[in-house]
Amino acid sequence: MPFYRELMGTNALEAGPSVLAGLAALVDSMKADEVVHLLRSDWREQVMGAWLSLAHPFDDAVLAAVTRALETSGGSLTAPPLLAAVVTLEAPTATASIQAYYEADVAGGWGSAGLALAAAATLPNSPLLAPTAADEETFKALSVLANCLKPVADQTAATGDT
C-alpha cells in the first residue's frame, strides 16, 4: 500500500504535495468494496482505508467498516486517520465508536486518547471530557485534510454551491 508511512498517525499533516496528490488520485479511483477490504485488514491497510473511505460518504458498508476499524484500533498509527474519517463521514455510530476507542486507548496507553476527545468534541452531546487545545488543533487540521479529500459533488451539496 503506497503512502501509508506518510499518512499514518498524524504524519499526513506533514505530507508533501506529491503524497497528497497521490492520495487524492487514489481516493478518486477506489471502489467501496476495496475500501472495506482495506479497513478489515492489518494496520497499514487500515491507515489507507481510513483516508480512502472519504470517497464513499454515503456507503453504509464503508461507514460500518470505518467505525469497526476505529473500535478495534490498536493505537496511534491508525487512530488519527480513523477518527478524522469517522467524524468527516458523519458515521451514525461515531460517538459510540469514538468513546469505545477512547476507553481502550486510555486503558492501553496508546497515545491517541486526546485526539479521540477532540474528535468527540466536534459531535453533539459528547459524553467525553473536553480536549486540550493542542489536541483540538491537531484534530482540526486532520479534519481539514479529510474534508479536502471528500468528493467534489459531496462538498458542493454540503455548501449549496453549484
N, C-alpha and C. Protein backbone atom coordinates (compact mmCIF):
# COMPACT_ATOMS: atom_id res chain seq x y z
N MET A 1 0.86 -1.17 0.00
CA MET A 1 0.00 0.00 0.00
C MET A 1 0.90 1.24 0.00
N PRO A 2 0.77 2.07 -1.02
CA PRO A 2 1.62 3.26 -1.08
C PRO A 2 1.22 4.30 -0.03
N PHE A 3 2.17 5.09 0.36
CA PHE A 3 1.95 6.26 1.21
C PHE A 3 1.61 5.98 2.67
N TYR A 4 1.45 4.73 3.10
CA TYR A 4 0.97 4.51 4.46
C TYR A 4 1.89 5.14 5.49
N ARG A 5 3.19 5.12 5.27
CA ARG A 5 4.11 5.73 6.25
C ARG A 5 3.91 7.23 6.36
N GLU A 6 3.66 7.86 5.22
CA GLU A 6 3.45 9.31 5.21
C GLU A 6 2.08 9.71 5.75
N LEU A 7 1.17 8.73 5.86
CA LEU A 7 -0.20 9.05 6.25
C LEU A 7 -0.63 8.44 7.58
N MET A 8 0.24 7.63 8.21
CA MET A 8 -0.13 7.02 9.49
C MET A 8 -0.04 8.05 10.60
N GLY A 9 -0.75 7.77 11.68
CA GLY A 9 -0.74 8.70 12.81
C GLY A 9 -1.17 10.08 12.37
N THR A 10 -0.37 11.06 12.74
CA THR A 10 -0.65 12.43 12.30
C THR A 10 0.33 12.86 11.21
N ASN A 11 1.05 11.91 10.63
CA ASN A 11 2.03 12.23 9.59
C ASN A 11 1.42 12.94 8.39
N ALA A 12 0.15 12.70 8.12
CA ALA A 12 -0.50 13.34 6.96
C ALA A 12 -0.41 14.85 7.04
N LEU A 13 -0.32 15.38 8.25
CA LEU A 13 -0.24 16.83 8.41
C LEU A 13 1.09 17.39 7.91
N GLU A 14 2.09 16.53 7.77
CA GLU A 14 3.41 16.94 7.29
C GLU A 14 3.70 16.40 5.89
N ALA A 15 2.75 15.71 5.29
CA ALA A 15 2.97 15.09 3.99
C ALA A 15 3.17 16.15 2.92
N GLY A 16 4.04 15.83 2.00
CA GLY A 16 4.33 16.75 0.91
C GLY A 16 3.25 16.74 -0.16
N PRO A 17 3.31 17.72 -1.05
CA PRO A 17 2.30 17.83 -2.11
C PRO A 17 2.19 16.59 -2.99
N SER A 18 3.30 15.93 -3.28
CA SER A 18 3.22 14.75 -4.16
C SER A 18 2.48 13.61 -3.47
N VAL A 19 2.67 13.46 -2.16
CA VAL A 19 1.95 12.42 -1.41
C VAL A 19 0.46 12.73 -1.39
N LEU A 20 0.12 13.97 -1.09
CA LEU A 20 -1.29 14.36 -1.04
C LEU A 20 -1.96 14.26 -2.40
N ALA A 21 -1.23 14.60 -3.47
CA ALA A 21 -1.78 14.46 -4.82
C ALA A 21 -1.99 12.98 -5.15
N GLY A 22 -1.04 12.15 -4.76
CA GLY A 22 -1.19 10.71 -4.97
C GLY A 22 -2.36 10.14 -4.20
N LEU A 23 -2.53 10.60 -2.96
CA LEU A 23 -3.66 10.17 -2.15
C LEU A 23 -4.97 10.60 -2.79
N ALA A 24 -5.04 11.84 -3.25
CA ALA A 24 -6.26 12.34 -3.89
C ALA A 24 -6.59 11.51 -5.13
N ALA A 25 -5.59 11.12 -5.89
CA ALA A 25 -5.82 10.29 -7.07
C ALA A 25 -6.37 8.92 -6.67
N LEU A 26 -5.81 8.36 -5.59
CA LEU A 26 -6.32 7.07 -5.10
C LEU A 26 -7.76 7.19 -4.61
N VAL A 27 -8.05 8.26 -3.89
CA VAL A 27 -9.41 8.47 -3.38
C VAL A 27 -10.40 8.46 -4.54
N ASP A 28 -10.03 9.11 -5.62
CA ASP A 28 -10.93 9.19 -6.78
C ASP A 28 -11.11 7.86 -7.49
N SER A 29 -10.18 6.92 -7.29
CA SER A 29 -10.24 5.66 -8.04
C SER A 29 -10.71 4.45 -7.24
N MET A 30 -10.86 4.57 -5.93
CA MET A 30 -11.18 3.41 -5.10
C MET A 30 -12.67 3.11 -5.06
N LYS A 31 -12.99 1.85 -5.22
CA LYS A 31 -14.37 1.39 -5.10
C LYS A 31 -14.66 1.07 -3.63
N ALA A 32 -15.91 1.15 -3.26
CA ALA A 32 -16.32 0.94 -1.87
C ALA A 32 -15.88 -0.42 -1.33
N ASP A 33 -16.04 -1.48 -2.11
CA ASP A 33 -15.66 -2.80 -1.63
C ASP A 33 -14.15 -2.92 -1.40
N GLU A 34 -13.37 -2.19 -2.18
CA GLU A 34 -11.92 -2.18 -1.98
C GLU A 34 -11.57 -1.48 -0.67
N VAL A 35 -12.27 -0.40 -0.39
CA VAL A 35 -12.04 0.35 0.85
C VAL A 35 -12.43 -0.50 2.06
N VAL A 36 -13.55 -1.17 1.99
CA VAL A 36 -13.99 -2.05 3.08
C VAL A 36 -12.94 -3.13 3.33
N HIS A 37 -12.41 -3.71 2.26
CA HIS A 37 -11.36 -4.74 2.39
C HIS A 37 -10.14 -4.18 3.13
N LEU A 38 -9.72 -2.98 2.76
CA LEU A 38 -8.58 -2.35 3.44
C LEU A 38 -8.86 -2.13 4.92
N LEU A 39 -10.05 -1.66 5.23
CA LEU A 39 -10.40 -1.36 6.62
C LEU A 39 -10.50 -2.62 7.48
N ARG A 40 -10.69 -3.75 6.86
CA ARG A 40 -10.77 -5.03 7.58
C ARG A 40 -9.41 -5.73 7.64
N SER A 41 -8.37 -5.09 7.13
CA SER A 41 -7.05 -5.71 7.04
C SER A 41 -6.15 -5.23 8.18
N ASP A 42 -4.85 -5.42 8.00
CA ASP A 42 -3.86 -5.00 9.00
C ASP A 42 -3.73 -3.49 9.06
N TRP A 43 -2.94 -3.03 10.00
CA TRP A 43 -2.87 -1.60 10.29
C TRP A 43 -2.44 -0.76 9.09
N ARG A 44 -1.50 -1.22 8.29
CA ARG A 44 -1.06 -0.41 7.14
C ARG A 44 -2.23 -0.16 6.19
N GLU A 45 -2.95 -1.21 5.91
CA GLU A 45 -4.11 -1.09 5.03
C GLU A 45 -5.21 -0.25 5.67
N GLN A 46 -5.36 -0.36 6.99
CA GLN A 46 -6.38 0.45 7.67
C GLN A 46 -6.07 1.94 7.58
N VAL A 47 -4.79 2.29 7.66
CA VAL A 47 -4.41 3.70 7.51
C VAL A 47 -4.91 4.22 6.16
N MET A 48 -4.59 3.46 5.11
CA MET A 48 -5.01 3.88 3.78
C MET A 48 -6.53 3.82 3.64
N GLY A 49 -7.14 2.77 4.19
CA GLY A 49 -8.59 2.65 4.12
C GLY A 49 -9.31 3.82 4.78
N ALA A 50 -8.74 4.31 5.87
CA ALA A 50 -9.36 5.46 6.54
C ALA A 50 -9.41 6.66 5.61
N TRP A 51 -8.27 6.99 4.99
CA TRP A 51 -8.24 8.14 4.09
C TRP A 51 -9.09 7.89 2.84
N LEU A 52 -9.02 6.67 2.31
CA LEU A 52 -9.76 6.36 1.08
C LEU A 52 -11.26 6.23 1.31
N SER A 53 -11.67 6.00 2.54
CA SER A 53 -13.10 5.90 2.84
C SER A 53 -13.82 7.20 2.54
N LEU A 54 -13.09 8.28 2.52
CA LEU A 54 -13.71 9.59 2.31
C LEU A 54 -14.33 9.72 0.92
N ALA A 55 -13.98 8.82 0.01
CA ALA A 55 -14.58 8.83 -1.32
C ALA A 55 -16.00 8.27 -1.31
N HIS A 56 -16.40 7.68 -0.19
CA HIS A 56 -17.70 6.99 -0.13
C HIS A 56 -18.52 7.45 1.09
N PRO A 57 -18.88 8.75 1.12
CA PRO A 57 -19.55 9.29 2.31
C PRO A 57 -20.96 8.75 2.57
N PHE A 58 -21.57 8.09 1.60
CA PHE A 58 -22.94 7.63 1.79
C PHE A 58 -23.07 6.11 1.70
N ASP A 59 -21.95 5.41 1.74
CA ASP A 59 -21.97 3.96 1.61
C ASP A 59 -22.02 3.32 3.00
N ASP A 60 -23.11 2.62 3.30
CA ASP A 60 -23.29 2.03 4.63
C ASP A 60 -22.20 1.03 4.99
N ALA A 61 -21.74 0.24 4.03
CA ALA A 61 -20.70 -0.75 4.30
C ALA A 61 -19.38 -0.07 4.66
N VAL A 62 -19.07 1.02 3.99
CA VAL A 62 -17.85 1.77 4.29
C VAL A 62 -17.97 2.41 5.67
N LEU A 63 -19.11 3.01 5.96
CA LEU A 63 -19.30 3.63 7.28
C LEU A 63 -19.16 2.59 8.39
N ALA A 64 -19.75 1.43 8.20
CA ALA A 64 -19.65 0.37 9.21
C ALA A 64 -18.21 -0.11 9.36
N ALA A 65 -17.49 -0.22 8.26
CA ALA A 65 -16.11 -0.68 8.32
C ALA A 65 -15.20 0.34 8.99
N VAL A 66 -15.45 1.62 8.74
CA VAL A 66 -14.65 2.67 9.39
C VAL A 66 -14.88 2.65 10.90
N THR A 67 -16.12 2.59 11.31
CA THR A 67 -16.40 2.60 12.75
C THR A 67 -15.85 1.35 13.43
N ARG A 68 -15.97 0.21 12.77
CA ARG A 68 -15.44 -1.04 13.34
C ARG A 68 -13.91 -0.98 13.44
N ALA A 69 -13.26 -0.45 12.41
CA ALA A 69 -11.80 -0.32 12.44
C ALA A 69 -11.37 0.59 13.58
N LEU A 70 -12.11 1.68 13.82
CA LEU A 70 -11.78 2.56 14.92
C LEU A 70 -11.96 1.85 16.26
N GLU A 71 -13.08 1.17 16.42
CA GLU A 71 -13.35 0.48 17.68
C GLU A 71 -12.31 -0.58 18.00
N THR A 72 -11.70 -1.15 16.98
CA THR A 72 -10.70 -2.21 17.19
C THR A 72 -9.27 -1.73 16.95
N SER A 73 -9.11 -0.44 16.74
CA SER A 73 -7.77 0.11 16.50
C SER A 73 -6.88 -0.13 17.71
N GLY A 74 -5.63 -0.40 17.42
CA GLY A 74 -4.68 -0.65 18.49
C GLY A 74 -3.81 0.55 18.82
N GLY A 75 -4.17 1.73 18.36
CA GLY A 75 -3.41 2.88 18.79
C GLY A 75 -3.11 3.93 17.76
N SER A 76 -2.03 4.65 18.03
CA SER A 76 -1.77 5.92 17.37
C SER A 76 -1.31 5.84 15.92
N LEU A 77 -1.05 4.65 15.38
CA LEU A 77 -0.72 4.56 13.97
C LEU A 77 -1.98 4.66 13.11
N THR A 78 -3.07 4.07 13.56
CA THR A 78 -4.32 4.07 12.79
C THR A 78 -5.38 5.01 13.33
N ALA A 79 -5.39 5.25 14.62
CA ALA A 79 -6.48 6.01 15.22
C ALA A 79 -6.66 7.42 14.65
N PRO A 80 -5.62 8.23 14.49
CA PRO A 80 -5.87 9.59 13.99
C PRO A 80 -6.58 9.64 12.63
N PRO A 81 -6.12 8.87 11.61
CA PRO A 81 -6.89 8.93 10.37
C PRO A 81 -8.29 8.33 10.49
N LEU A 82 -8.44 7.30 11.32
CA LEU A 82 -9.77 6.71 11.51
C LEU A 82 -10.70 7.69 12.22
N LEU A 83 -10.19 8.41 13.21
CA LEU A 83 -11.00 9.41 13.90
C LEU A 83 -11.44 10.51 12.93
N ALA A 84 -10.51 10.97 12.11
CA ALA A 84 -10.85 12.00 11.13
C ALA A 84 -11.91 11.49 10.16
N ALA A 85 -11.76 10.25 9.73
CA ALA A 85 -12.72 9.68 8.77
C ALA A 85 -14.10 9.52 9.39
N VAL A 86 -14.17 8.96 10.59
CA VAL A 86 -15.47 8.69 11.20
C VAL A 86 -16.24 9.99 11.45
N VAL A 87 -15.54 11.05 11.79
CA VAL A 87 -16.21 12.34 12.00
C VAL A 87 -16.57 12.99 10.67
N THR A 88 -15.65 12.99 9.72
CA THR A 88 -15.89 13.62 8.42
C THR A 88 -17.02 12.94 7.67
N LEU A 89 -17.08 11.62 7.78
CA LEU A 89 -18.14 10.87 7.10
C LEU A 89 -19.47 10.93 7.85
N GLU A 90 -19.45 11.52 9.04
CA GLU A 90 -20.65 11.62 9.86
C GLU A 90 -21.27 10.24 10.07
N ALA A 91 -20.43 9.29 10.44
CA ALA A 91 -20.88 7.93 10.68
C ALA A 91 -21.94 7.93 11.78
N PRO A 92 -23.03 7.20 11.58
CA PRO A 92 -24.13 7.20 12.56
C PRO A 92 -23.70 6.77 13.97
N THR A 93 -22.71 5.92 14.07
CA THR A 93 -22.26 5.46 15.38
C THR A 93 -20.95 6.12 15.81
N ALA A 94 -20.66 7.29 15.26
CA ALA A 94 -19.38 7.95 15.54
C ALA A 94 -19.14 8.16 17.03
N THR A 95 -20.11 8.67 17.74
CA THR A 95 -19.92 8.95 19.17
C THR A 95 -19.59 7.67 19.94
N ALA A 96 -20.35 6.63 19.72
CA ALA A 96 -20.10 5.36 20.42
C ALA A 96 -18.75 4.77 20.03
N SER A 97 -18.41 4.84 18.76
CA SER A 97 -17.13 4.30 18.30
C SER A 97 -15.95 5.08 18.88
N ILE A 98 -16.07 6.39 18.91
CA ILE A 98 -15.00 7.21 19.48
C ILE A 98 -14.86 6.93 20.97
N GLN A 99 -15.97 6.82 21.66
CA GLN A 99 -15.92 6.53 23.10
C GLN A 99 -15.27 5.16 23.35
N ALA A 100 -15.63 4.16 22.55
CA ALA A 100 -15.03 2.83 22.71
C ALA A 100 -13.53 2.88 22.47
N TYR A 101 -13.12 3.60 21.43
CA TYR A 101 -11.69 3.73 21.17
C TYR A 101 -11.01 4.47 22.33
N TYR A 102 -11.60 5.57 22.76
CA TYR A 102 -11.02 6.37 23.84
C TYR A 102 -10.76 5.51 25.09
N GLU A 103 -11.75 4.74 25.48
CA GLU A 103 -11.61 3.90 26.67
C GLU A 103 -10.51 2.86 26.50
N ALA A 104 -10.42 2.26 25.31
CA ALA A 104 -9.36 1.28 25.05
C ALA A 104 -7.99 1.95 25.03
N ASP A 105 -7.92 3.15 24.46
CA ASP A 105 -6.65 3.88 24.39
C ASP A 105 -6.16 4.24 25.78
N VAL A 106 -7.06 4.74 26.61
CA VAL A 106 -6.69 5.09 27.99
C VAL A 106 -6.19 3.84 28.72
N ALA A 107 -6.92 2.75 28.59
CA ALA A 107 -6.53 1.50 29.27
C ALA A 107 -5.19 0.98 28.76
N GLY A 108 -4.95 1.12 27.45
CA GLY A 108 -3.73 0.60 26.87
C GLY A 108 -2.58 1.59 26.79
N GLY A 109 -2.86 2.86 27.04
CA GLY A 109 -1.82 3.88 26.96
C GLY A 109 -1.24 4.03 25.56
N TRP A 110 -2.09 4.02 24.55
CA TRP A 110 -1.64 4.02 23.17
C TRP A 110 -1.25 5.39 22.63
N GLY A 111 -1.70 6.47 23.25
CA GLY A 111 -1.25 7.79 22.85
C GLY A 111 -2.17 8.64 22.00
N SER A 112 -3.35 8.17 21.69
CA SER A 112 -4.26 8.99 20.88
C SER A 112 -5.58 9.30 21.59
N ALA A 113 -5.61 9.11 22.89
CA ALA A 113 -6.83 9.41 23.65
C ALA A 113 -7.22 10.87 23.52
N GLY A 114 -6.24 11.76 23.52
CA GLY A 114 -6.52 13.19 23.39
C GLY A 114 -7.17 13.53 22.06
N LEU A 115 -6.72 12.88 20.99
CA LEU A 115 -7.34 13.11 19.69
C LEU A 115 -8.76 12.57 19.67
N ALA A 116 -9.00 11.47 20.38
CA ALA A 116 -10.36 10.94 20.49
C ALA A 116 -11.25 11.95 21.21
N LEU A 117 -10.74 12.57 22.25
CA LEU A 117 -11.52 13.61 22.94
C LEU A 117 -11.82 14.76 21.99
N ALA A 118 -10.82 15.15 21.19
CA ALA A 118 -11.02 16.25 20.24
C ALA A 118 -12.04 15.88 19.17
N ALA A 119 -11.99 14.63 18.71
CA ALA A 119 -12.97 14.18 17.71
C ALA A 119 -14.36 14.19 18.32
N ALA A 120 -14.50 13.67 19.52
CA ALA A 120 -15.80 13.62 20.18
C ALA A 120 -16.35 15.02 20.42
N ALA A 121 -15.48 15.96 20.70
CA ALA A 121 -15.92 17.33 20.98
C ALA A 121 -16.56 17.99 19.77
N THR A 122 -16.31 17.47 18.57
CA THR A 122 -16.92 18.04 17.37
C THR A 122 -18.33 17.52 17.15
N LEU A 123 -18.72 16.52 17.92
CA LEU A 123 -20.04 15.91 17.76
C LEU A 123 -21.01 16.42 18.83
N PRO A 124 -22.29 16.46 18.52
CA PRO A 124 -23.26 16.92 19.52
C PRO A 124 -23.37 15.93 20.69
N ASN A 125 -23.54 16.47 21.86
CA ASN A 125 -23.79 15.68 23.08
C ASN A 125 -22.71 14.65 23.39
N SER A 126 -21.46 15.04 23.22
CA SER A 126 -20.36 14.12 23.54
C SER A 126 -20.33 13.85 25.04
N PRO A 127 -20.23 12.57 25.42
CA PRO A 127 -20.15 12.24 26.84
C PRO A 127 -18.73 12.33 27.39
N LEU A 128 -17.76 12.64 26.52
CA LEU A 128 -16.35 12.64 26.94
C LEU A 128 -15.90 14.01 27.41
N LEU A 129 -14.76 14.03 28.05
CA LEU A 129 -14.16 15.27 28.55
C LEU A 129 -13.77 16.19 27.40
N ALA A 130 -13.54 17.44 27.71
CA ALA A 130 -13.07 18.39 26.71
C ALA A 130 -11.60 18.11 26.40
N PRO A 131 -11.18 18.29 25.15
CA PRO A 131 -9.78 18.04 24.78
C PRO A 131 -8.88 19.21 25.17
N THR A 132 -7.58 18.95 25.13
CA THR A 132 -6.63 20.04 25.30
C THR A 132 -6.63 20.88 24.04
N ALA A 133 -6.13 22.09 24.12
CA ALA A 133 -6.06 22.97 22.95
C ALA A 133 -5.17 22.35 21.87
N ALA A 134 -4.08 21.72 22.26
CA ALA A 134 -3.18 21.10 21.28
C ALA A 134 -3.86 19.96 20.54
N ASP A 135 -4.57 19.10 21.27
CA ASP A 135 -5.28 18.00 20.61
C ASP A 135 -6.39 18.53 19.71
N GLU A 136 -7.08 19.55 20.17
CA GLU A 136 -8.14 20.15 19.36
C GLU A 136 -7.57 20.72 18.06
N GLU A 137 -6.44 21.40 18.15
CA GLU A 137 -5.80 21.98 16.97
C GLU A 137 -5.35 20.88 15.99
N THR A 138 -4.74 19.83 16.52
CA THR A 138 -4.30 18.73 15.66
C THR A 138 -5.48 18.06 14.98
N PHE A 139 -6.54 17.81 15.73
CA PHE A 139 -7.70 17.16 15.13
C PHE A 139 -8.35 18.06 14.08
N LYS A 140 -8.42 19.35 14.34
CA LYS A 140 -8.99 20.27 13.34
C LYS A 140 -8.19 20.20 12.04
N ALA A 141 -6.87 20.14 12.15
CA ALA A 141 -6.03 20.06 10.95
C ALA A 141 -6.28 18.75 10.20
N LEU A 142 -6.40 17.64 10.93
CA LEU A 142 -6.73 16.36 10.29
C LEU A 142 -8.10 16.44 9.60
N SER A 143 -9.05 17.09 10.23
CA SER A 143 -10.39 17.22 9.67
C SER A 143 -10.39 18.06 8.39
N VAL A 144 -9.58 19.11 8.37
CA VAL A 144 -9.48 19.93 7.15
C VAL A 144 -8.96 19.07 6.00
N LEU A 145 -7.91 18.31 6.27
CA LEU A 145 -7.37 17.42 5.24
C LEU A 145 -8.43 16.41 4.80
N ALA A 146 -9.11 15.80 5.75
CA ALA A 146 -10.14 14.81 5.42
C ALA A 146 -11.24 15.43 4.56
N ASN A 147 -11.67 16.61 4.91
CA ASN A 147 -12.73 17.26 4.14
C ASN A 147 -12.28 17.61 2.73
N CYS A 148 -10.99 17.90 2.56
CA CYS A 148 -10.46 18.18 1.23
C CYS A 148 -10.47 16.94 0.34
N LEU A 149 -10.48 15.77 0.94
CA LEU A 149 -10.46 14.53 0.17
C LEU A 149 -11.85 14.01 -0.18
N LYS A 150 -12.88 14.60 0.40
CA LYS A 150 -14.24 14.17 0.05
C LYS A 150 -14.52 14.52 -1.41
N PRO A 151 -15.38 13.77 -2.06
CA PRO A 151 -15.69 14.05 -3.46
C PRO A 151 -16.23 15.46 -3.64
N VAL A 152 -15.88 16.06 -4.76
CA VAL A 152 -16.31 17.43 -5.04
C VAL A 152 -17.84 17.54 -5.03
N ALA A 153 -18.54 16.56 -5.56
CA ALA A 153 -20.01 16.60 -5.57
C ALA A 153 -20.56 16.64 -4.14
N ASP A 154 -19.93 15.91 -3.22
CA ASP A 154 -20.38 15.90 -1.84
C ASP A 154 -20.13 17.26 -1.20
N GLN A 155 -18.99 17.88 -1.49
CA GLN A 155 -18.68 19.19 -0.93
C GLN A 155 -19.63 20.25 -1.47
N THR A 156 -19.97 20.15 -2.75
CA THR A 156 -20.90 21.10 -3.34
C THR A 156 -22.28 20.98 -2.69
N ALA A 157 -22.73 19.75 -2.45
CA ALA A 157 -24.03 19.54 -1.81
C ALA A 157 -24.03 20.11 -0.40
N ALA A 158 -22.91 19.97 0.30
CA ALA A 158 -22.83 20.45 1.68
C ALA A 158 -22.85 21.98 1.75
N THR A 159 -22.26 22.65 0.77
CA THR A 159 -22.18 24.11 0.81
C THR A 159 -23.32 24.78 0.06
N GLY A 160 -24.02 24.02 -0.79
CA GLY A 160 -25.09 24.60 -1.56
C GLY A 160 -24.61 25.28 -2.83
N ASP A 161 -23.29 25.20 -3.12
CA ASP A 161 -22.74 25.79 -4.33
C ASP A 161 -23.09 24.93 -5.54
N THR A 162 -23.07 25.53 -6.69
CA THR A 162 -23.29 24.77 -7.92
C THR A 162 -22.19 25.00 -8.91
